[in-house]
Protein backbone atom coordinates (compact mmCIF):
# COMPACT_ATOMS: atom_id res chain seq x y z
CA MET A 1 2.90 -33.09 -0.43
CA ASN A 2 1.98 -29.41 -0.03
CA ASP A 3 -1.72 -28.92 -0.79
CA GLN A 4 -1.75 -25.32 0.45
CA PRO A 5 -2.74 -22.83 -2.24
CA GLN A 6 0.12 -20.59 -3.28
CA TYR A 7 -0.20 -16.82 -2.93
CA GLN A 8 -1.03 -15.14 -6.21
CA PRO A 9 -0.48 -11.38 -6.05
CA PRO A 10 -3.14 -9.13 -7.56
CA GLU A 11 -2.46 -7.64 -10.99
CA ASP A 12 -1.79 -4.15 -9.58
CA VAL A 13 0.88 -5.57 -7.26
CA LYS A 14 2.48 -7.41 -10.17
CA ALA A 15 2.49 -4.25 -12.28
CA VAL A 16 4.02 -2.02 -9.60
CA SER A 17 6.59 -4.66 -8.65
CA LYS A 18 7.97 -4.49 -12.20
CA THR A 19 9.03 -0.91 -11.47
CA TYR A 20 9.80 -0.89 -7.73
CA SER A 21 11.07 -3.43 -5.25
CA VAL A 22 8.20 -4.65 -3.06
CA MET A 23 10.35 -3.76 -0.05
CA SER A 24 10.67 -0.09 -1.00
CA LYS A 25 8.69 2.95 0.12
CA LEU A 26 8.15 3.85 -3.52
CA PHE A 27 6.35 0.54 -4.09
CA SER A 28 3.99 1.26 -1.18
CA MET A 29 3.31 4.79 -2.36
CA ALA A 30 2.73 3.72 -5.97
CA LEU A 31 0.31 0.99 -4.88
CA LEU A 32 -1.62 3.40 -2.64
CA LYS A 33 -1.86 5.92 -5.48
CA LEU A 34 -3.01 3.24 -7.90
CA ARG A 35 -5.76 2.06 -5.53
CA TYR A 36 -6.71 5.52 -4.21
CA ASP A 37 -9.74 6.16 -6.46
CA LYS A 38 -11.29 2.82 -5.46
CA MET A 39 -11.12 3.66 -1.74
CA ASN A 40 -13.87 5.13 0.38
CA THR A 41 -13.27 8.50 2.04
CA ALA A 42 -11.98 7.08 5.33
CA SER A 43 -9.54 4.82 3.49
CA GLN A 44 -8.38 7.72 1.32
CA ILE A 45 -7.60 9.75 4.43
CA ARG A 46 -5.60 6.85 5.90
CA ALA A 47 -3.79 6.44 2.57
CA GLU A 48 -2.89 10.13 2.51
CA LYS A 49 -1.53 9.95 6.06
CA THR A 50 0.42 6.81 5.20
CA MET A 51 1.93 8.43 2.09
CA PHE A 52 2.84 11.54 4.11
CA ALA A 53 4.47 9.36 6.77
CA LEU A 54 6.41 7.40 4.15
CA LEU A 55 7.53 10.54 2.36
CA HIS A 56 8.68 12.28 5.56
CA GLU A 57 9.89 9.14 7.35
CA ARG A 58 7.46 9.63 10.22
CA ASN A 59 5.13 7.27 12.00
CA TRP A 60 1.48 7.73 12.72
CA ASP A 61 -0.87 5.58 14.73
CA ALA A 62 -4.20 4.92 13.00
CA LYS A 63 -5.78 4.17 16.38
CA SER A 64 -4.97 7.66 17.63
CA ASP A 65 -7.25 9.18 14.96
CA GLN A 66 -10.41 7.65 16.39
């Protein structure tokens, strides 16, 4: 018998997944935008860089910013 708790996605993930596939860039961008105001400044900067990278199909290394 499997006694492991099953993953329950947060409400914001459920809401965004009704519009976009969880495997799409648009899902990631929508979730970042939805959570943006709850982030601290450093997290907002990382979110902006992530959204830019997703939009322009580029990579960025978070470790290189330190």
